[in-house]
N, C-alpha and C. Protein backbone atom coordinates (compact mmCIF):
# COMPACT_ATOMS: atom_id res chain seq x y z
N UNK A 1 0.85 -1.08 -0.18
CA UNK A 1 -0.10 0.04 -0.06
C UNK A 1 0.92 1.31 0.05
N UNK A 2 0.48 2.20 -0.42
CA UNK A 2 1.30 3.56 -0.77
C UNK A 2 1.41 4.12 0.49
N UNK A 3 0.61 4.08 1.67
CA UNK A 3 1.11 4.65 2.80
C UNK A 3 1.71 3.60 3.80
N UNK A 4 2.08 2.69 3.46
CA UNK A 4 3.14 1.72 4.44
C UNK A 4 4.58 2.12 4.30
N UNK A 5 5.25 1.73 5.51
CA UNK A 5 6.65 2.13 5.62
C UNK A 5 7.26 0.70 5.74
N UNK A 6 8.39 0.92 5.39
CA UNK A 6 9.27 -0.50 5.56
C UNK A 6 9.57 -0.84 6.99
N UNK A 7 9.95 0.25 7.81
CA UNK A 7 10.23 0.14 9.32
C UNK A 7 9.70 1.52 9.89
N UNK A 8 9.34 1.33 11.15
CA UNK A 8 9.18 2.53 12.05
C UNK A 8 9.85 2.56 13.36
N UNK A 9 10.37 3.75 13.63
CA UNK A 9 11.20 4.07 14.83
C UNK A 9 10.89 5.38 15.67
N UNK A 10 10.99 5.17 16.84
CA UNK A 10 10.72 6.20 17.66
C UNK A 10 11.41 7.37 17.61
N UNK A 11 12.96 7.39 17.08
CA UNK A 11 13.47 8.65 16.90
C UNK A 11 14.50 7.95 15.65
N UNK A 12 14.84 9.19 14.85
CA UNK A 12 15.85 8.76 13.83
C UNK A 12 17.24 7.93 14.57
N UNK A 13 17.77 8.38 15.75
CA UNK A 13 18.88 7.78 16.22
C UNK A 13 18.58 6.26 16.75
N UNK A 14 17.38 5.85 16.66
CA UNK A 14 16.99 4.28 16.81
C UNK A 14 17.50 3.63 15.74
N UNK A 15 17.91 4.05 14.65
CA UNK A 15 18.31 3.38 13.25
C UNK A 15 19.67 3.16 13.56
N UNK A 16 19.79 1.89 13.42
CA UNK A 16 21.26 1.39 13.48
C UNK A 16 22.09 1.08 12.37
N UNK A 17 23.40 1.09 12.28
CA UNK A 17 23.89 0.63 11.06
C UNK A 17 23.85 -0.89 10.80
N UNK A 18 23.55 -1.65 11.84
CA UNK A 18 23.55 -3.03 11.63
C UNK A 18 22.04 -3.26 10.98
N UNK A 19 20.87 -2.50 11.60
CA UNK A 19 19.64 -2.60 10.90
C UNK A 19 19.89 -2.09 9.08
N UNK A 20 20.54 -1.26 8.98
CA UNK A 20 20.52 -0.84 7.54
C UNK A 20 21.26 -1.86 6.84
N UNK A 21 22.26 -2.28 7.37
CA UNK A 21 23.05 -3.72 6.72
C UNK A 21 22.10 -4.74 6.52
N UNK A 22 21.42 -5.14 7.42
CA UNK A 22 20.43 -6.24 7.28
C UNK A 22 19.33 -5.88 6.14
N UNK A 23 19.00 -4.72 5.88
CA UNK A 23 18.16 -4.22 4.72
C UNK A 23 18.78 -4.04 3.59
N UNK A 24 20.07 -4.08 3.53
CA UNK A 24 20.89 -3.61 2.26
C UNK A 24 21.02 -2.28 1.84
N UNK A 25 20.67 -1.46 2.84
CA UNK A 25 20.65 -0.14 2.71
C UNK A 25 22.19 0.71 3.04
N UNK A 26 22.45 1.40 1.99
CA UNK A 26 23.74 2.13 1.82
C UNK A 26 23.74 3.68 1.78
N UNK A 27 22.43 4.20 1.67
CA UNK A 27 22.32 5.54 1.72
C UNK A 27 20.89 5.92 2.46
N UNK A 28 20.89 7.24 2.77
CA UNK A 28 19.56 7.55 3.54
C UNK A 28 19.41 9.08 2.80
N UNK A 29 18.05 9.24 2.78
CA UNK A 29 17.48 10.47 2.13
C UNK A 29 16.89 10.93 3.59
N UNK A 30 17.23 12.12 4.13
CA UNK A 30 16.70 12.54 5.37
C UNK A 30 15.73 13.77 5.29
N UNK A 31 14.62 13.61 5.84
CA UNK A 31 13.80 14.69 6.02
C UNK A 31 14.70 15.64 7.28
N UNK A 32 14.01 17.00 7.35
CA UNK A 32 14.70 17.98 8.31
C UNK A 32 13.76 18.27 9.57
N UNK A 33 12.60 18.65 9.27
CA UNK A 33 11.89 19.23 10.22
C UNK A 33 10.89 18.06 10.98
N UNK A 34 11.10 17.76 12.17
CA UNK A 34 10.66 16.73 13.22
C UNK A 34 11.07 15.46 12.78
N UNK A 35 12.30 15.23 12.12
CA UNK A 35 12.89 14.16 11.58
C UNK A 35 14.37 14.32 12.62
N UNK A 36 15.00 15.48 12.12
CA UNK A 36 16.35 15.65 12.54
C UNK A 36 16.27 16.81 13.64
N UNK A 37 15.20 17.45 13.92
CA UNK A 37 14.96 18.69 14.91
C UNK A 37 13.45 18.88 14.81
N UNK A 38 13.21 19.85 15.69
CA UNK A 38 11.84 20.25 15.85
C UNK A 38 11.56 21.29 14.66
N UNK A 39 10.40 21.53 14.43
CA UNK A 39 9.83 22.29 12.99
C UNK A 39 10.49 23.57 13.36
N UNK A 40 11.21 24.03 12.34
CA UNK A 40 11.63 25.42 12.17
C UNK A 40 12.94 25.86 13.10
N UNK A 41 13.36 24.81 13.75
CA UNK A 41 14.56 24.91 14.81
C UNK A 41 15.80 24.85 13.85
N UNK A 42 16.65 25.93 14.02
CA UNK A 42 18.03 25.91 13.17
C UNK A 42 18.87 24.89 14.06
N UNK A 43 18.63 24.22 15.11
CA UNK A 43 19.81 23.37 15.66
C UNK A 43 19.40 21.96 15.63
N UNK A 44 20.22 21.11 15.37
CA UNK A 44 19.65 19.59 15.46
C UNK A 44 19.40 19.10 16.72
N UNK A 45 18.44 18.42 16.84
CA UNK A 45 18.22 17.56 18.08
C UNK A 45 19.08 16.97 18.75
N UNK A 46 19.08 16.82 20.11
CA UNK A 46 19.94 15.86 20.88
C UNK A 46 20.20 14.59 20.21
N UNK A 47 21.61 14.38 20.14
CA UNK A 47 21.94 12.97 19.64
C UNK A 47 21.99 13.05 18.21
N UNK A 48 21.74 13.97 17.25
CA UNK A 48 21.55 13.93 16.02
C UNK A 48 22.88 14.09 15.49
N UNK A 49 23.77 15.02 15.78
CA UNK A 49 25.24 15.07 15.26
C UNK A 49 26.11 14.00 15.34
N UNK A 50 25.82 13.10 16.70
CA UNK A 50 26.46 11.93 16.91
C UNK A 50 26.15 10.87 16.08
N UNK A 51 24.76 10.82 15.77
CA UNK A 51 24.14 9.75 14.82
C UNK A 51 24.71 9.87 13.42
N UNK A 52 24.69 11.10 13.00
CA UNK A 52 25.29 11.44 11.55
C UNK A 52 26.68 10.90 11.53
N UNK A 53 27.56 11.29 12.52
CA UNK A 53 28.99 10.78 12.54
C UNK A 53 28.86 9.31 12.36
N UNK A 54 28.15 8.60 13.42
CA UNK A 54 28.03 7.19 13.38
C UNK A 54 27.92 6.32 11.81
N UNK A 55 26.75 7.24 11.27
CA UNK A 55 26.33 6.58 10.08
C UNK A 55 27.32 6.93 9.04
N UNK A 56 28.15 7.90 8.94
CA UNK A 56 29.19 8.38 7.89
C UNK A 56 30.35 7.45 8.31
N UNK A 57 30.71 7.19 9.68
CA UNK A 57 31.86 6.22 9.89
C UNK A 57 31.51 4.83 9.29
N UNK A 58 30.12 4.56 9.39
CA UNK A 58 29.56 3.33 8.90
C UNK A 58 29.38 3.06 7.32
N UNK A 59 29.83 4.05 6.73
CA UNK A 59 29.85 4.03 5.27
C UNK A 59 28.35 4.29 4.97
N UNK A 60 27.64 4.84 5.50
CA UNK A 60 26.16 5.11 4.96
C UNK A 60 26.18 6.51 4.44
N UNK A 61 25.69 6.80 3.38
CA UNK A 61 25.59 8.00 2.63
C UNK A 61 24.35 8.85 3.01
N UNK A 62 24.48 9.81 3.37
CA UNK A 62 23.41 10.75 3.90
C UNK A 62 23.17 11.93 2.98
N UNK A 63 21.99 12.26 2.82
CA UNK A 63 21.43 13.52 1.91
C UNK A 63 20.14 13.97 2.55
N UNK A 64 20.15 15.31 2.88
CA UNK A 64 18.73 16.03 3.02
C UNK A 64 18.04 16.33 1.97
N UNK A 65 16.80 15.81 2.05
CA UNK A 65 15.86 16.24 0.89
C UNK A 65 14.62 16.83 1.91
N UNK A 66 14.38 18.13 1.61
CA UNK A 66 13.54 18.78 2.22
C UNK A 66 12.54 19.74 1.31
N UNK A 67 11.25 19.93 1.62
CA UNK A 67 10.29 20.81 0.91
C UNK A 67 10.56 22.21 1.18
N UNK A 68 11.32 22.45 2.18
CA UNK A 68 11.81 23.75 2.65
C UNK A 68 12.68 24.71 1.67
N UNK A 69 12.69 25.72 1.98
CA UNK A 69 13.53 26.85 0.81
C UNK A 69 15.18 26.93 1.44
N UNK A 70 15.88 27.19 0.73
CA UNK A 70 17.12 27.33 0.74
C UNK A 70 17.76 27.98 2.23
N UNK A 71 17.04 29.11 2.41
CA UNK A 71 17.32 29.74 4.15
C UNK A 71 17.20 28.86 5.08
N UNK A 72 16.05 28.07 4.99
CA UNK A 72 15.92 27.06 6.09
C UNK A 72 16.83 25.94 6.10
N UNK A 73 17.05 25.22 4.61
CA UNK A 73 17.75 24.17 4.65
C UNK A 73 19.48 24.14 4.73
N UNK A 74 19.81 25.16 4.05
CA UNK A 74 21.45 25.30 3.73
C UNK A 74 22.10 25.38 4.97
N UNK A 75 21.75 26.27 5.88
CA UNK A 75 22.51 26.41 7.23
C UNK A 75 22.38 25.19 8.04
N UNK A 76 21.48 24.51 7.98
CA UNK A 76 21.04 23.26 8.87
C UNK A 76 21.87 22.10 8.18
N UNK A 77 21.89 22.05 6.91
CA UNK A 77 22.64 21.13 6.40
C UNK A 77 24.20 21.17 6.68
N UNK A 78 24.39 22.53 6.20
CA UNK A 78 26.07 22.98 6.54
C UNK A 78 26.41 22.47 7.98
N UNK A 79 25.63 22.76 8.65
CA UNK A 79 25.81 22.59 10.51
C UNK A 79 26.22 21.06 10.61
N UNK A 80 25.59 20.25 9.80
CA UNK A 80 25.83 18.81 9.84
C UNK A 80 26.63 18.22 8.97
N UNK A 81 27.37 19.14 8.03
CA UNK A 81 27.96 18.33 6.97
C UNK A 81 27.46 17.68 5.99
N UNK A 82 26.14 17.91 5.84
CA UNK A 82 25.41 17.16 4.82
C UNK A 82 24.96 17.73 3.32
N UNK A 83 25.18 17.29 2.32
CA UNK A 83 24.56 17.53 0.97
C UNK A 83 23.06 17.57 1.32
N UNK A 84 22.40 18.65 0.47
CA UNK A 84 20.99 18.68 0.34
C UNK A 84 20.41 19.00 -0.72
N UNK A 85 19.02 18.70 -0.85
CA UNK A 85 18.01 19.21 -2.15
C UNK A 85 17.12 19.72 -1.19
N UNK A 86 16.87 21.06 -1.62
CA UNK A 86 15.78 21.85 -0.89
C UNK A 86 14.76 21.97 -2.05
N UNK A 87 13.43 22.65 -1.53
CA UNK A 87 12.31 22.57 -2.65
C UNK A 87 12.27 21.20 -3.32
N UNK A 88 12.18 20.09 -2.53
CA UNK A 88 12.07 18.90 -3.05
C UNK A 88 10.59 18.37 -3.59
N UNK A 89 9.53 19.20 -3.27
CA UNK A 89 8.25 18.89 -3.88
C UNK A 89 7.77 17.55 -3.46
N UNK A 90 8.11 16.90 -2.08
CA UNK A 90 7.74 15.66 -1.83
C UNK A 90 6.14 15.70 -1.46
N UNK A 91 5.63 15.02 -2.01
CA UNK A 91 5.55 13.47 -2.24
C UNK A 91 6.12 13.14 -3.70
N UNK A 92 6.22 14.09 -4.73
CA UNK A 92 6.53 13.95 -5.77
C UNK A 92 7.98 13.54 -5.96
N UNK A 93 8.39 13.21 -7.05
CA UNK A 93 9.72 12.60 -7.49
C UNK A 93 11.01 13.41 -7.44
N UNK A 94 10.70 14.71 -7.59
CA UNK A 94 11.97 15.60 -7.86
C UNK A 94 13.13 15.24 -6.99
N UNK A 95 12.60 15.67 -5.79
CA UNK A 95 14.05 15.83 -4.82
C UNK A 95 14.40 14.34 -4.49
N UNK A 96 13.69 13.24 -4.48
CA UNK A 96 14.26 12.21 -4.26
C UNK A 96 15.12 11.63 -5.64
N UNK A 97 14.67 12.11 -6.85
CA UNK A 97 15.28 11.46 -8.07
C UNK A 97 16.87 12.42 -7.89
N UNK A 98 16.89 13.63 -7.65
CA UNK A 98 18.05 14.61 -7.59
C UNK A 98 18.96 13.84 -6.38
N UNK A 99 18.56 13.33 -5.34
CA UNK A 99 19.07 12.84 -4.21
C UNK A 99 20.00 11.38 -4.74
N UNK A 100 18.83 10.63 -5.46
CA UNK A 100 19.52 9.36 -5.92
C UNK A 100 20.67 9.50 -6.83
N UNK A 101 20.56 10.29 -7.63
CA UNK A 101 21.34 10.53 -8.60
C UNK A 101 22.64 11.21 -8.18
N UNK A 102 22.50 12.11 -7.09
CA UNK A 102 23.80 12.59 -6.46
C UNK A 102 24.39 11.58 -5.40
N UNK A 103 23.66 10.69 -5.00
CA UNK A 103 24.30 9.65 -4.19
C UNK A 103 25.10 8.68 -4.87
N UNK A 104 24.63 8.48 -6.11
CA UNK A 104 25.27 7.33 -6.81
C UNK A 104 25.05 6.02 -6.37
N UNK A 105 23.85 5.79 -5.90
CA UNK A 105 23.54 4.37 -5.47
C UNK A 105 22.42 3.83 -6.20
N UNK A 106 22.20 2.52 -6.33
CA UNK A 106 20.88 1.94 -6.86
C UNK A 106 19.56 2.50 -5.90
N UNK A 107 18.56 2.59 -6.65
CA UNK A 107 17.29 2.78 -5.64
C UNK A 107 17.25 1.55 -4.50
N UNK A 108 17.69 0.36 -4.92
CA UNK A 108 17.39 -0.62 -4.02
C UNK A 108 18.41 -0.59 -2.62
N UNK A 109 19.33 0.29 -2.69
CA UNK A 109 20.21 0.21 -1.24
C UNK A 109 19.85 1.70 -0.61
N UNK A 110 18.80 2.43 -1.30
CA UNK A 110 18.56 3.79 -0.55
C UNK A 110 17.08 3.56 0.15
N UNK A 111 17.03 4.12 1.37
CA UNK A 111 15.92 4.52 2.11
C UNK A 111 15.65 5.76 2.48
N UNK A 112 14.39 6.20 2.42
CA UNK A 112 14.09 7.48 3.17
C UNK A 112 13.56 7.50 4.43
N UNK A 113 13.90 8.47 5.20
CA UNK A 113 13.41 8.76 6.54
C UNK A 113 12.90 10.01 6.90
N UNK A 114 11.71 9.83 7.42
CA UNK A 114 10.67 11.15 7.85
C UNK A 114 9.64 11.02 8.57
N UNK A 115 8.92 12.02 8.75
CA UNK A 115 7.96 11.80 9.99
C UNK A 115 6.54 12.18 9.41
N UNK A 116 6.42 12.39 8.03
CA UNK A 116 5.26 12.66 7.53
C UNK A 116 4.68 11.58 6.73
N UNK A 117 3.55 10.92 6.69
CA UNK A 117 2.96 10.09 5.93
C UNK A 117 2.64 10.79 4.56
N UNK A 118 1.98 11.76 4.28
CA UNK A 118 1.63 12.34 3.02
C UNK A 118 2.78 13.10 2.40
N UNK A 119 3.86 12.96 2.83
CA UNK A 119 4.96 13.66 2.09
C UNK A 119 6.13 12.51 2.02
N UNK A 120 6.66 12.20 3.20
CA UNK A 120 7.88 11.27 3.01
C UNK A 120 7.54 9.92 2.82
N UNK A 121 6.42 9.19 3.50
CA UNK A 121 5.99 7.92 3.19
C UNK A 121 5.39 7.88 1.89
N UNK A 122 4.84 8.73 1.27
CA UNK A 122 4.05 8.69 0.04
C UNK A 122 5.05 8.62 -0.93
N UNK A 123 5.92 9.89 -0.83
CA UNK A 123 7.00 10.28 -1.96
C UNK A 123 7.93 8.83 -1.91
N UNK A 124 8.58 8.35 -0.80
CA UNK A 124 9.51 7.18 -0.81
C UNK A 124 8.71 6.08 -1.84
N UNK A 125 7.41 5.79 -1.40
CA UNK A 125 6.66 4.69 -1.96
C UNK A 125 6.46 4.96 -3.40
N UNK A 126 6.37 6.21 -3.91
CA UNK A 126 5.89 6.70 -5.30
C UNK A 126 7.40 6.40 -6.17
N UNK A 127 8.58 6.79 -5.18
CA UNK A 127 9.51 6.50 -5.91
C UNK A 127 10.17 5.10 -6.06
N UNK A 128 9.84 4.28 -5.14
CA UNK A 128 10.02 2.98 -5.09
C UNK A 128 11.32 2.36 -4.27
N UNK A 129 11.51 3.53 -3.10
CA UNK A 129 12.42 3.03 -2.42
C UNK A 129 11.97 2.61 -1.01
N UNK A 130 12.80 2.24 -0.24
CA UNK A 130 12.54 1.77 1.26
C UNK A 130 12.12 3.05 2.10
N UNK A 131 11.20 2.96 2.96
CA UNK A 131 10.74 4.11 3.99
C UNK A 131 10.66 3.55 5.20
N UNK A 132 11.70 4.54 6.09
CA UNK A 132 11.81 4.34 7.42
C UNK A 132 11.01 5.64 8.25
N UNK A 133 9.92 5.27 8.69
CA UNK A 133 9.21 6.15 9.34
C UNK A 133 9.69 6.60 10.59
N UNK A 134 9.75 7.89 11.24
CA UNK A 134 10.09 8.01 12.61
C UNK A 134 8.98 8.89 13.18
N UNK A 135 8.89 8.58 14.49
CA UNK A 135 7.90 9.51 15.28
C UNK A 135 8.17 10.89 15.14
N UNK A 136 7.27 11.95 14.97
CA UNK A 136 7.87 13.29 14.92
C UNK A 136 8.15 13.62 16.45
N UNK A 137 9.15 14.76 16.37
CA UNK A 137 9.66 15.22 17.73
C UNK A 137 8.39 15.80 18.49
N UNK A 138 7.61 16.59 17.99
CA UNK A 138 6.63 17.52 18.21
C UNK A 138 5.60 17.61 17.28
N UNK A 139 4.25 17.77 17.55
CA UNK A 139 3.26 18.12 16.55
C UNK A 139 3.11 19.69 16.53
N UNK A 140 3.16 19.92 15.03
CA UNK A 140 3.36 21.41 14.87
C UNK A 140 2.04 22.07 15.30
N UNK A 141 1.74 23.22 15.55
CA UNK A 141 0.86 24.01 15.94
C UNK A 141 -0.15 24.73 15.04
N UNK A 142 0.14 25.00 13.67
CA UNK A 142 -0.66 25.60 12.99
C UNK A 142 -2.04 24.75 12.52
N UNK A 143 -3.11 25.26 12.15
CA UNK A 143 -4.30 24.46 11.65
C UNK A 143 -4.02 23.55 10.45
N UNK A 144 -3.36 23.85 9.54
CA UNK A 144 -2.77 22.91 8.55
C UNK A 144 -2.45 21.79 8.81
N UNK A 145 -1.38 21.78 9.84
CA UNK A 145 -0.72 20.51 10.34
C UNK A 145 -1.58 19.56 11.47
N UNK A 146 -2.33 20.45 11.95
CA UNK A 146 -3.31 19.90 12.80
C UNK A 146 -4.22 18.84 12.07
N UNK A 147 -4.58 19.32 11.04
CA UNK A 147 -5.57 18.59 10.13
C UNK A 147 -4.96 17.51 9.42
N UNK A 148 -3.76 18.03 8.96
CA UNK A 148 -2.76 16.78 8.17
C UNK A 148 -2.44 15.86 9.29
N UNK A 149 -2.27 15.77 10.46
CA UNK A 149 -1.82 14.88 11.33
C UNK A 149 -2.85 14.18 11.70
N UNK A 150 -4.33 14.64 11.96
CA UNK A 150 -5.31 14.00 12.24
C UNK A 150 -5.58 12.87 11.05
N UNK A 151 -5.48 13.58 9.85
CA UNK A 151 -5.64 12.55 8.54
C UNK A 151 -4.66 11.48 8.58
N UNK A 152 -3.49 11.66 9.09
CA UNK A 152 -2.34 10.64 9.10
C UNK A 152 -2.70 9.42 9.83
N UNK A 153 -3.25 9.76 10.94
CA UNK A 153 -3.41 8.75 12.03
C UNK A 153 -3.69 7.42 11.77
N UNK A 154 -4.62 7.18 10.71
CA UNK A 154 -4.61 5.75 10.58
C UNK A 154 -3.65 4.98 9.74
N UNK A 155 -2.87 5.89 9.14
CA UNK A 155 -1.57 5.35 8.51
C UNK A 155 -0.44 5.25 9.35
N UNK A 156 -0.28 5.78 10.55
CA UNK A 156 0.94 5.57 11.32
C UNK A 156 1.22 4.08 11.64
N UNK A 157 2.46 3.60 11.60
CA UNK A 157 2.82 2.23 11.80
C UNK A 157 2.44 2.00 13.25
N UNK A 158 2.00 0.67 13.63
CA UNK A 158 1.64 0.53 14.95
C UNK A 158 2.96 -0.17 15.51
N UNK A 159 3.66 -1.02 14.93
CA UNK A 159 4.85 -1.45 15.74
C UNK A 159 6.09 -0.53 15.31
N UNK A 160 6.52 0.34 16.24
CA UNK A 160 7.69 1.06 16.20
C UNK A 160 8.76 1.00 17.26
N UNK A 161 9.85 0.77 16.76
CA UNK A 161 11.15 0.37 17.37
C UNK A 161 11.54 1.63 18.13
N UNK A 162 11.99 1.21 19.32
CA UNK A 162 12.53 2.11 20.14
C UNK A 162 13.83 1.57 20.88
N UNK A 163 15.07 2.06 20.66
CA UNK A 163 16.16 1.59 21.39
C UNK A 163 16.15 1.63 22.93
N UNK A 164 16.56 0.60 23.59
CA UNK A 164 16.34 0.51 24.80
C UNK A 164 17.59 1.28 25.40
N UNK A 165 17.34 2.28 26.42
CA UNK A 165 18.31 3.16 27.27
C UNK A 165 19.22 2.07 27.92
N UNK A 166 20.61 2.51 28.06
CA UNK A 166 21.33 1.74 29.02
C UNK A 166 21.44 2.04 30.29
């Protein structure tokens, strides 16, 4: 189904290199808002810079694809040292296609990571790549997002993996 995710996680940092290896994933297309930080926050969430470094050291290629404009995406991507595509037009293929081309990997070894059903999940499925859903850090406060999140509810994955704290 077009609203299904390959796997679901409580936080992007719950995605491990070992899990990606089992899925034959060598590249991740990352959303920004509510995936790597809270909505419109210029600073990555706690643990994100360390997770990015772990992924890089594990040989995972990373790229941001966001529907946001350059003034939002570029400083954030630069802070993490990641290449990016902005104005990606998710769920359409534009941003995904551009990222896949820049990553130089076959679609079969790439997964998208994001928190929204109607942009990230739908777009990954349209593109024919794996989708790793993550629970959003927080729910946006605008009426548009409140309605959108309510409509997404039936499609939110039921089995969400959360890494156990040490």
